Amino acid sequence: MSKRSVGASRPILIEDANLSWAWAKILLHIQANTGKSISPLIVSIRGFDDNGKPQEDLALRRDLDALLAKAEEWDVETVAFTIFPERMWRIAGGDRQALFKLYKAAFPRFKARYPQVNGRGLYFERLTMFGDGHCDGNQLEFIIQASNERDGGVRDSMLQAAVFDPKRDHTKSAQLGFPCLQHVSFVPTGEGLVMNAFYATQQLFNKAYGNYLGLAQLCAFMAKELGTKPACLNVYVGVAKLDKIAKTDAGLASMLESAKERIGAAAS
């Protein structure tokens, strides 16, 4: 079993209204300290507009997508799609049953297109097609129905959905790319819906930004279906790692320096 440095158990909290800047602050913290990981990491994002979209720094996102393309990694939107299929939601015209039907019909193609990556499933698939259970394994539909039928008067522990399945995911394989996200929970508040996401591990360069975007989109979707608005996304990560790129990479350093300047200017 590998051992981490002394102090690794002290959580690092990153907060920002802007999703892009929250992500940038994590990597700036990594650059400013020894090592390439944070354990544990807590990220809190509060910025949503009136349409439920998270605040983003689009220049930073474009720069990141360029770095990801150079590294032959998925772009931000593709990673986000694994958690919430935003473009299918738009096609469905805001009808969640149409969304679930579209996704269920298309999922075999998603799985077949990237069998090495998607062979074990996708996050939205686990959330809506987990297997046996209420609503044919559609955990999100069960939460929505149960909450709306009882006008929000449900126990807090009911408003959660699992991704990790011990039967399928407890394996002795040295590397396992899916699932890193373990489960999500939802907390209705007077300010709107708070969503919590729990990760065992997270890859900061090639996955984290897309993870946060997909989770924010899922939060907005659930808020709409529960008759409220998205208020906050909290992400808890056991081990957050900067893999797939060097801390000293020139492109990464330039991107983060530009983001740091914009963050500083906004704060002044």
C-alpha atoms as a PDB file:
ATOM      1  CA  MET A   1       0.000   0.000   0.000  1.00  0.00           C
ATOM      2  CA  SER A   2       1.449   3.382  -0.997  1.00  0.00           C
ATOM      3  CA  LYS A   3       1.907   6.014   1.705  1.00  0.00           C
ATOM      4  CA  ARG A   4       1.309   9.745   1.395  1.00  0.00           C
ATOM      5  CA  SER A   5       3.207  12.610   2.961  1.00  0.00           C
ATOM      6  CA  VAL A   6       2.603  13.861   6.489  1.00  0.00           C
ATOM      7  CA  GLY A   7      -0.339  16.275   6.549  1.00  0.00           C
ATOM      8  CA  ALA A   8      -2.076  14.551   3.657  1.00  0.00           C
ATOM      9  CA  SER A   9      -5.152  14.039   5.836  1.00  0.00           C
ATOM     10  CA  ARG A  10      -5.739  17.779   6.183  1.00  0.00           C
ATOM     11  CA  PRO A  11      -8.494  18.743   3.741  1.00  0.00           C
ATOM     12  CA  ILE A  12      -7.968  21.536   1.238  1.00  0.00           C
ATOM     13  CA  LEU A  13     -11.093  23.642   0.623  1.00  0.00           C
ATOM     14  CA  ILE A  14     -11.460  25.495  -2.684  1.00  0.00           C
ATOM     15  CA  GLU A  15     -14.441  27.847  -3.056  1.00  0.00           C
ATOM     16  CA  ASP A  16     -15.492  30.075  -5.954  1.00  0.00           C
ATOM     17  CA  ALA A  17     -18.644  31.207  -7.708  1.00  0.00           C
ATOM     18  CA  ASN A  18     -16.920  30.577 -11.050  1.00  0.00           C
ATOM     19  CA  LEU A  19     -16.527  26.898 -11.957  1.00  0.00           C
ATOM     20  CA  SER A  20     -13.479  27.573 -14.147  1.00  0.00           C
ATOM     21  CA  TRP A  21     -11.704  29.532 -11.442  1.00  0.00           C
ATOM     22  CA  ALA A  22     -12.438  26.900  -8.804  1.00  0.00           C
ATOM     23  CA  TRP A  23     -10.709  24.361 -11.055  1.00  0.00           C
ATOM     24  CA  ALA A  24      -7.811  26.744 -11.729  1.00  0.00           C
ATOM     25  CA  LYS A  25      -7.329  27.380  -8.003  1.00  0.00           C
ATOM     26  CA  ILE A  26      -6.860  23.648  -7.437  1.00  0.00           C
ATOM     27  CA  LEU A  27      -4.075  23.454  -9.988  1.00  0.00           C
ATOM     28  CA  LEU A  28      -2.503  26.690  -8.733  1.00  0.00           C
ATOM     29  CA  HIS A  29      -2.413  25.095  -5.269  1.00  0.00           C
ATOM     30  CA  ILE A  30      -0.676  22.031  -6.725  1.00  0.00           C
ATOM     31  CA  GLN A  31       1.874  24.248  -8.500  1.00  0.00           C
ATOM     32  CA  ALA A  32       2.612  26.170  -5.312  1.00  0.00           C
ATOM     33  CA  ASN A  33       3.227  23.063  -3.214  1.00  0.00           C
ATOM     34  CA  THR A  34       5.246  19.876  -3.360  1.00  0.00           C
ATOM     35  CA  GLY A  35       3.806  16.790  -4.992  1.00  0.00           C
ATOM     36  CA  LYS A  36       1.046  16.348  -7.561  1.00  0.00           C
ATOM     37  CA  SER A  37      -1.920  15.351  -5.412  1.00  0.00           C
ATOM     38  CA  ILE A  38      -4.320  16.684  -2.781  1.00  0.00           C
ATOM     39  CA  SER A  39      -5.862  14.345  -0.223  1.00  0.00           C
ATOM     40  CA  PRO A  40      -8.603  15.089   0.613  1.00  0.00           C
ATOM     41  CA  LEU A  41      -9.972  17.915  -1.540  1.00  0.00           C
ATOM     42  CA  ILE A  42     -13.279  19.750  -1.120  1.00  0.00           C
ATOM     43  CA  VAL A  43     -14.528  21.999  -3.931  1.00  0.00           C
ATOM     44  CA  SER A  44     -17.551  24.278  -3.508  1.00  0.00           C
ATOM     45  CA  ILE A  45     -19.090  26.120  -6.485  1.00  0.00           C
ATOM     46  CA  ARG A  46     -22.011  28.516  -6.033  1.00  0.00           C
ATOM     47  CA  GLY A  47     -22.335  30.526  -9.248  1.00  0.00           C
ATOM     48  CA  PHE A  48     -25.433  29.703 -11.319  1.00  0.00           C
ATOM     49  CA  ASP A  49     -27.316  32.096 -13.588  1.00  0.00           C
ATOM     50  CA  ASP A  50     -31.100  32.424 -13.876  1.00  0.00           C
ATOM     51  CA  ASN A  51     -31.157  29.575 -16.423  1.00  0.00           C
ATOM     52  CA  GLY A  52     -29.209  27.256 -14.139  1.00  0.00           C
ATOM     53  CA  LYS A  53     -25.936  27.508 -16.061  1.00  0.00           C
ATOM     54  CA  PRO A  54     -22.739  27.614 -14.004  1.00  0.00           C
ATOM     55  CA  GLN A  55     -20.458  30.624 -14.317  1.00  0.00           C
ATOM     56  CA  GLU A  56     -17.422  29.875 -16.501  1.00  0.00           C
ATOM     57  CA  ASP A  57     -14.310  31.592 -17.798  1.00  0.00           C
ATOM     58  CA  LEU A  58     -14.665  30.644 -21.459  1.00  0.00           C
ATOM     59  CA  ALA A  59     -11.116  31.718 -22.327  1.00  0.00           C
ATOM     60  CA  LEU A  60      -9.766  29.294 -19.725  1.00  0.00           C
ATOM     61  CA  ARG A  61     -12.024  26.540 -20.993  1.00  0.00           C
ATOM     62  CA  ARG A  62     -10.841  27.073 -24.581  1.00  0.00           C
ATOM     63  CA  ASP A  63      -7.207  26.982 -23.467  1.00  0.00           C
ATOM     64  CA  LEU A  64      -7.818  23.786 -21.520  1.00  0.00           C
ATOM     65  CA  ASP A  65      -9.569  22.156 -24.472  1.00  0.00           C
ATOM     66  CA  ALA A  66      -6.544  23.003 -26.629  1.00  0.00           C
ATOM     67  CA  LEU A  67      -4.207  21.350 -24.102  1.00  0.00           C
ATOM     68  CA  LEU A  68      -6.484  18.315 -23.878  1.00  0.00           C
ATOM     69  CA  ALA A  69      -6.539  17.970 -27.675  1.00  0.00           C
ATOM     70  CA  LYS A  70      -2.747  18.136 -27.752  1.00  0.00           C
ATOM     71  CA  ALA A  71      -2.602  15.366 -25.142  1.00  0.00           C
ATOM     72  CA  GLU A  72      -5.206  13.335 -27.103  1.00  0.00           C
ATOM     73  CA  GLU A  73      -7.652  13.496 -24.202  1.00  0.00           C
ATOM     74  CA  TRP A  74     -11.406  14.116 -24.277  1.00  0.00           C
ATOM     75  CA  ASP A  75     -12.519  17.743 -24.308  1.00  0.00           C
ATOM     76  CA  VAL A  76     -14.436  19.289 -21.411  1.00  0.00           C
ATOM     77  CA  GLU A  77     -17.874  18.826 -22.995  1.00  0.00           C
ATOM     78  CA  THR A  78     -17.315  15.129 -23.700  1.00  0.00           C
ATOM     79  CA  VAL A  79     -16.277  14.446 -20.095  1.00  0.00           C
ATOM     80  CA  ALA A  80     -19.274  16.434 -18.819  1.00  0.00           C
ATOM     81  CA  PHE A  81     -21.560  14.382 -21.078  1.00  0.00           C
ATOM     82  CA  THR A  82     -20.642  11.194 -19.188  1.00  0.00           C
ATOM     83  CA  ILE A  83     -22.309  12.680 -16.090  1.00  0.00           C
ATOM     84  CA  PHE A  84     -25.136  14.637 -17.677  1.00  0.00           C
ATOM     85  CA  PRO A  85     -26.076  14.573 -21.419  1.00  0.00           C
ATOM     86  CA  GLU A  86     -26.808  18.295 -21.686  1.00  0.00           C
ATOM     87  CA  ARG A  87     -27.231  18.313 -25.485  1.00  0.00           C
ATOM     88  CA  MET A  88     -29.740  15.439 -25.280  1.00  0.00           C
ATOM     89  CA  TRP A  89     -31.632  17.386 -22.608  1.00  0.00           C
ATOM     90  CA  ARG A  90     -31.908  20.271 -25.084  1.00  0.00           C
ATOM     91  CA  ILE A  91     -33.095  17.894 -27.811  1.00  0.00           C
ATOM     92  CA  ALA A  92     -35.702  16.535 -25.387  1.00  0.00           C
ATOM     93  CA  GLY A  93     -37.043  20.068 -24.991  1.00  0.00           C
ATOM     94  CA  GLY A  94     -37.049  19.955 -21.199  1.00  0.00           C
ATOM     95  CA  ASP A  95     -39.083  16.722 -21.034  1.00  0.00           C
ATOM     96  CA  ARG A  96     -37.245  14.419 -18.639  1.00  0.00           C
ATOM     97  CA  GLN A  97     -39.069  11.281 -19.790  1.00  0.00           C
ATOM     98  CA  ALA A  98     -38.036  12.065 -23.360  1.00  0.00           C
ATOM     99  CA  LEU A  99     -34.455  12.559 -22.127  1.00  0.00           C
ATOM    100  CA  PHE A 100     -34.403   9.216 -20.327  1.00  0.00           C
ATOM    101  CA  LYS A 101     -35.862   7.477 -23.395  1.00  0.00           C
ATOM    102  CA  LEU A 102     -33.359   9.094 -25.774  1.00  0.00           C
ATOM    103  CA  TYR A 103     -30.430   8.235 -23.534  1.00  0.00           C
ATOM    104  CA  LYS A 104     -31.492   4.636 -23.004  1.00  0.00           C
ATOM    105  CA  ALA A 105     -31.816   4.122 -26.758  1.00  0.00           C
ATOM    106  CA  ALA A 106     -28.441   5.743 -27.480  1.00  0.00           C
ATOM    107  CA  PHE A 107     -26.405   4.224 -24.637  1.00  0.00           C
ATOM    108  CA  PRO A 108     -25.428   1.010 -26.488  1.00  0.00           C
ATOM    109  CA  ARG A 109     -23.826   3.188 -29.185  1.00  0.00           C
ATOM    110  CA  PHE A 110     -21.920   5.227 -26.597  1.00  0.00           C
ATOM    111  CA  LYS A 111     -20.634   2.019 -25.037  1.00  0.00           C
ATOM    112  CA  ALA A 112     -19.642   0.481 -28.363  1.00  0.00           C
ATOM    113  CA  ARG A 113     -17.898   3.611 -29.641  1.00  0.00           C
ATOM    114  CA  TYR A 114     -15.257   3.593 -26.888  1.00  0.00           C
ATOM    115  CA  PRO A 115     -15.363   0.023 -25.531  1.00  0.00           C
ATOM    116  CA  GLN A 116     -12.104   0.324 -23.580  1.00  0.00           C
ATOM    117  CA  VAL A 117     -13.305   3.479 -21.811  1.00  0.00           C
ATOM    118  CA  ASN A 118     -17.071   3.002 -21.641  1.00  0.00           C
ATOM    119  CA  GLY A 119     -17.204  -0.769 -21.414  1.00  0.00           C
ATOM    120  CA  ARG A 120     -17.988  -0.621 -17.687  1.00  0.00           C
ATOM    121  CA  GLY A 121     -20.660   2.026 -18.165  1.00  0.00           C
ATOM    122  CA  LEU A 122     -21.135   5.785 -17.883  1.00  0.00           C
ATOM    123  CA  TYR A 123     -22.164   7.864 -14.904  1.00  0.00           C
ATOM    124  CA  PHE A 124     -25.556   8.981 -16.218  1.00  0.00           C
ATOM    125  CA  GLU A 125     -26.248   5.381 -17.209  1.00  0.00           C
ATOM    126  CA  ARG A 126     -25.589   4.211 -13.643  1.00  0.00           C
ATOM    127  CA  LEU A 127     -27.796   6.993 -12.269  1.00  0.00           C
ATOM    128  CA  THR A 128     -30.722   6.128 -14.557  1.00  0.00           C
ATOM    129  CA  MET A 129     -30.210   2.436 -15.385  1.00  0.00           C
ATOM    130  CA  PHE A 130     -28.547   1.010 -12.290  1.00  0.00           C
ATOM    131  CA  GLY A 131     -30.315  -2.335 -12.509  1.00  0.00           C
ATOM    132  CA  ASP A 132     -33.065  -3.687 -10.293  1.00  0.00           C
ATOM    133  CA  GLY A 133     -34.926  -1.212  -8.127  1.00  0.00           C
ATOM    134  CA  HIS A 134     -37.617   1.423  -8.145  1.00  0.00           C
ATOM    135  CA  CYS A 135     -38.442   3.008 -11.513  1.00  0.00           C
ATOM    136  CA  ASP A 136     -36.519   0.223 -13.288  1.00  0.00           C
ATOM    137  CA  GLY A 137     -33.281   1.375 -11.714  1.00  0.00           C
ATOM    138  CA  ASN A 138     -33.739   5.048 -12.610  1.00  0.00           C
ATOM    139  CA  GLN A 139     -32.559   6.549  -9.334  1.00  0.00           C
ATOM    140  CA  LEU A 140     -33.057  10.146 -10.458  1.00  0.00           C
ATOM    141  CA  GLU A 141     -36.672   9.473 -11.451  1.00  0.00           C
ATOM    142  CA  PHE A 142     -37.349   7.838  -8.089  1.00  0.00           C
ATOM    143  CA  ILE A 143     -35.937  10.856  -6.223  1.00  0.00           C
ATOM    144  CA  ILE A 144     -37.982  13.278  -8.326  1.00  0.00           C
ATOM    145  CA  GLN A 145     -41.203  11.305  -7.973  1.00  0.00           C
ATOM    146  CA  ALA A 146     -40.797  10.717  -4.237  1.00  0.00           C
ATOM    147  CA  SER A 147     -40.008  14.368  -3.572  1.00  0.00           C
ATOM    148  CA  ASN A 148     -42.783  15.800  -5.705  1.00  0.00           C
ATOM    149  CA  GLU A 149     -45.415  13.372  -4.437  1.00  0.00           C
ATOM    150  CA  ARG A 150     -44.687  14.386  -0.859  1.00  0.00           C
ATOM    151  CA  ASP A 151     -44.034  18.062  -1.606  1.00  0.00           C
ATOM    152  CA  GLY A 152     -40.438  17.853  -0.438  1.00  0.00           C
ATOM    153  CA  GLY A 153     -41.372  16.171   2.867  1.00  0.00           C
ATOM    154  CA  VAL A 154     -39.016  13.234   2.508  1.00  0.00           C
ATOM    155  CA  ARG A 155     -36.121  12.094   4.657  1.00  0.00           C
ATOM    156  CA  ASP A 156     -32.769  13.530   3.626  1.00  0.00           C
ATOM    157  CA  SER A 157     -31.223  10.096   3.128  1.00  0.00           C
ATOM    158  CA  MET A 158     -33.724   9.325   0.365  1.00  0.00           C
ATOM    159  CA  LEU A 159     -32.260  11.993  -1.897  1.00  0.00           C
ATOM    160  CA  GLN A 160     -29.152  10.128  -2.985  1.00  0.00           C
ATOM    161  CA  ALA A 161     -28.099   8.023  -5.941  1.00  0.00           C
ATOM    162  CA  ALA A 162     -25.312   5.467  -6.207  1.00  0.00           C
ATOM    163  CA  VAL A 163     -22.765   4.931  -8.964  1.00  0.00           C
ATOM    164  CA  PHE A 164     -20.378   2.453  -7.346  1.00  0.00           C
ATOM    165  CA  ASP A 165     -21.728  -1.096  -7.335  1.00  0.00           C
ATOM    166  CA  PRO A 166     -19.665  -3.587  -5.267  1.00  0.00           C
ATOM    167  CA  LYS A 167     -20.913  -6.495  -7.374  1.00  0.00           C
ATOM    168  CA  ARG A 168     -19.490  -4.971 -10.549  1.00  0.00           C
ATOM    169  CA  ASP A 169     -16.768  -2.667  -9.288  1.00  0.00           C
ATOM    170  CA  HIS A 170     -14.919  -4.482  -6.529  1.00  0.00           C
ATOM    171  CA  THR A 171     -12.111  -5.910  -8.629  1.00  0.00           C
ATOM    172  CA  LYS A 172      -8.417  -6.545  -8.048  1.00  0.00           C
ATOM    173  CA  SER A 173      -7.398  -4.875 -11.319  1.00  0.00           C
ATOM    174  CA  ALA A 174      -4.359  -2.611 -10.904  1.00  0.00           C
ATOM    175  CA  GLN A 175      -6.021   0.163 -12.929  1.00  0.00           C
ATOM    176  CA  LEU A 176      -9.748   0.877 -13.149  1.00  0.00           C
ATOM    177  CA  GLY A 177     -10.876   3.997 -14.984  1.00  0.00           C
ATOM    178  CA  PHE A 178     -14.527   3.759 -13.937  1.00  0.00           C
ATOM    179  CA  PRO A 179     -16.179   4.599 -11.628  1.00  0.00           C
ATOM    180  CA  CYS A 180     -14.280   7.326  -9.770  1.00  0.00           C
ATOM    181  CA  LEU A 181     -17.513   9.111  -8.825  1.00  0.00           C
ATOM    182  CA  GLN A 182     -19.121   7.037  -6.061  1.00  0.00           C
ATOM    183  CA  HIS A 183     -22.480   8.679  -5.396  1.00  0.00           C
ATOM    184  CA  VAL A 184     -24.383  11.955  -5.324  1.00  0.00           C
ATOM    185  CA  SER A 185     -26.858  13.452  -2.875  1.00  0.00           C
ATOM    186  CA  PHE A 186     -29.301  16.344  -3.051  1.00  0.00           C
ATOM    187  CA  VAL A 187     -30.290  18.761  -0.295  1.00  0.00           C
ATOM    188  CA  PRO A 188     -33.199  21.176  -0.873  1.00  0.00           C
ATOM    189  CA  THR A 189     -32.645  24.458   1.009  1.00  0.00           C
ATOM    190  CA  GLY A 190     -34.250  27.865   1.197  1.00  0.00           C
ATOM    191  CA  GLU A 191     -31.618  29.124  -1.275  1.00  0.00           C
ATOM    192  CA  GLY A 192     -32.172  26.289  -3.736  1.00  0.00           C
ATOM    193  CA  LEU A 193     -30.807  22.810  -4.343  1.00  0.00           C
ATOM    194  CA  VAL A 194     -27.436  21.839  -2.932  1.00  0.00           C
ATOM    195  CA  MET A 195     -25.809  18.854  -4.635  1.00  0.00           C
ATOM    196  CA  ASN A 196     -22.972  16.813  -3.138  1.00  0.00           C
ATOM    197  CA  ALA A 197     -20.743  14.511  -5.162  1.00  0.00           C
ATOM    198  CA  PHE A 198     -18.271  12.023  -3.701  1.00  0.00           C
ATOM    199  CA  TYR A 199     -15.166  10.768  -5.506  1.00  0.00           C
ATOM    200  CA  ALA A 200     -12.651   8.178  -4.348  1.00  0.00           C
ATOM    201  CA  THR A 201     -10.102   9.629  -6.793  1.00  0.00           C
ATOM    202  CA  GLN A 202     -10.126  12.319  -9.457  1.00  0.00           C
ATOM    203  CA  GLN A 203      -7.772  13.188 -12.307  1.00  0.00           C
ATOM    204  CA  LEU A 204      -7.356  16.956 -12.204  1.00  0.00           C
ATOM    205  CA  PHE A 205      -6.023  17.711 -15.684  1.00  0.00           C
ATOM    206  CA  ASN A 206      -8.080  15.584 -18.020  1.00  0.00           C
ATOM    207  CA  LYS A 207     -11.258  14.956 -16.038  1.00  0.00           C
ATOM    208  CA  ALA A 208     -11.947  17.383 -13.171  1.00  0.00           C
ATOM    209  CA  TYR A 209     -13.185  20.412 -15.150  1.00  0.00           C
ATOM    210  CA  GLY A 210     -15.547  18.240 -17.189  1.00  0.00           C
ATOM    211  CA  ASN A 211     -16.618  16.453 -13.997  1.00  0.00           C
ATOM    212  CA  TYR A 212     -17.569  19.753 -12.355  1.00  0.00           C
ATOM    213  CA  LEU A 213     -19.413  20.954 -15.452  1.00  0.00           C
ATOM    214  CA  GLY A 214     -21.396  17.723 -15.789  1.00  0.00           C
ATOM    215  CA  LEU A 215     -22.241  17.741 -12.081  1.00  0.00           C
ATOM    216  CA  ALA A 216     -23.359  21.381 -12.256  1.00  0.00           C
ATOM    217  CA  GLN A 217     -25.590  20.526 -15.221  1.00  0.00           C
ATOM    218  CA  LEU A 218     -27.032  17.552 -13.321  1.00  0.00           C
ATOM    219  CA  CYS A 219     -27.676  19.826 -10.336  1.00  0.00           C
ATOM    220  CA  ALA A 220     -29.551  22.284 -12.583  1.00  0.00           C
ATOM    221  CA  PHE A 221     -31.598  19.454 -14.108  1.00  0.00           C
ATOM    222  CA  MET A 222     -32.581  18.033 -10.727  1.00  0.00           C
ATOM    223  CA  ALA A 223     -33.359  21.492  -9.368  1.00  0.00           C
ATOM    224  CA  LYS A 224     -35.744  22.158 -12.245  1.00  0.00           C
ATOM    225  CA  GLU A 225     -37.501  18.824 -11.795  1.00  0.00           C
ATOM    226  CA  LEU A 226     -37.807  19.427  -8.048  1.00  0.00           C
ATOM    227  CA  GLY A 227     -39.299  22.869  -8.594  1.00  0.00           C
ATOM    228  CA  THR A 228     -36.386  24.943  -7.342  1.00  0.00           C
ATOM    229  CA  LYS A 229     -33.079  26.375  -8.589  1.00  0.00           C
ATOM    230  CA  PRO A 230     -29.466  25.192  -8.274  1.00  0.00           C
ATOM    231  CA  ALA A 231     -27.700  26.831  -5.336  1.00  0.00           C
ATOM    232  CA  CYS A 232     -24.413  25.032  -4.710  1.00  0.00           C
ATOM    233  CA  LEU A 233     -22.296  22.112  -5.900  1.00  0.00           C
ATOM    234  CA  ASN A 234     -19.947  20.498  -3.388  1.00  0.00           C
ATOM    235  CA  VAL A 235     -17.421  17.912  -4.565  1.00  0.00           C
ATOM    236  CA  TYR A 236     -15.535  15.731  -2.083  1.00  0.00           C
ATOM    237  CA  VAL A 237     -12.449  13.924  -3.399  1.00  0.00           C
ATOM    238  CA  GLY A 238     -10.434  11.368  -1.475  1.00  0.00           C
ATOM    239  CA  VAL A 239      -7.341  11.720  -3.672  1.00  0.00           C
ATOM    240  CA  ALA A 240      -7.134  14.387  -6.398  1.00  0.00           C
ATOM    241  CA  LYS A 241      -4.179  13.795  -8.724  1.00  0.00           C
ATOM    242  CA  LEU A 242      -2.488  15.838 -11.441  1.00  0.00           C
ATOM    243  CA  ASP A 243      -1.857  13.068 -13.961  1.00  0.00           C
ATOM    244  CA  LYS A 244      -1.316  13.130 -17.726  1.00  0.00           C
ATOM    245  CA  ILE A 245       0.685  16.395 -17.656  1.00  0.00           C
ATOM    246  CA  ALA A 246       3.766  17.791 -15.916  1.00  0.00           C
ATOM    247  CA  LYS A 247       3.422  20.542 -13.318  1.00  0.00           C
ATOM    248  CA  THR A 248       6.015  22.491 -15.287  1.00  0.00           C
ATOM    249  CA  ASP A 249       4.311  22.116 -18.684  1.00  0.00           C
ATOM    250  CA  ALA A 250       4.617  25.471 -20.465  1.00  0.00           C
ATOM    251  CA  GLY A 251       1.073  25.421 -21.825  1.00  0.00           C
ATOM    252  CA  LEU A 252      -0.386  24.592 -18.424  1.00  0.00           C
ATOM    253  CA  ALA A 253       1.689  27.287 -16.701  1.00  0.00           C
ATOM    254  CA  SER A 254       0.673  29.942 -19.240  1.00  0.00           C
ATOM    255  CA  MET A 255      -3.011  29.048 -18.993  1.00  0.00           C
ATOM    256  CA  LEU A 256      -2.988  29.138 -15.199  1.00  0.00           C
ATOM    257  CA  GLU A 257      -1.051  32.406 -15.048  1.00  0.00           C
ATOM    258  CA  SER A 258      -3.631  34.073 -17.301  1.00  0.00           C
ATOM    259  CA  ALA A 259      -6.447  32.676 -15.164  1.00  0.00           C
ATOM    260  CA  LYS A 260      -4.680  33.856 -11.993  1.00  0.00           C
ATOM    261  CA  GLU A 261      -4.544  37.396 -13.376  1.00  0.00           C
ATOM    262  CA  ARG A 262      -8.271  37.374 -14.168  1.00  0.00           C
ATOM    263  CA  ILE A 263      -9.123  35.947 -10.741  1.00  0.00           C
ATOM    264  CA  GLY A 264      -7.043  38.629  -9.082  1.00  0.00           C
ATOM    265  CA  ALA A 265      -8.567  41.398 -11.169  1.00  0.00           C
ATOM    266  CA  ALA A 266     -12.084  40.238 -10.276  1.00  0.00           C
ATOM    267  CA  ALA A 267     -11.233  40.208  -6.585  1.00  0.00           C
ATOM    268  CA  SER A 268      -9.730  43.715  -6.555  1.00  0.00           C
END
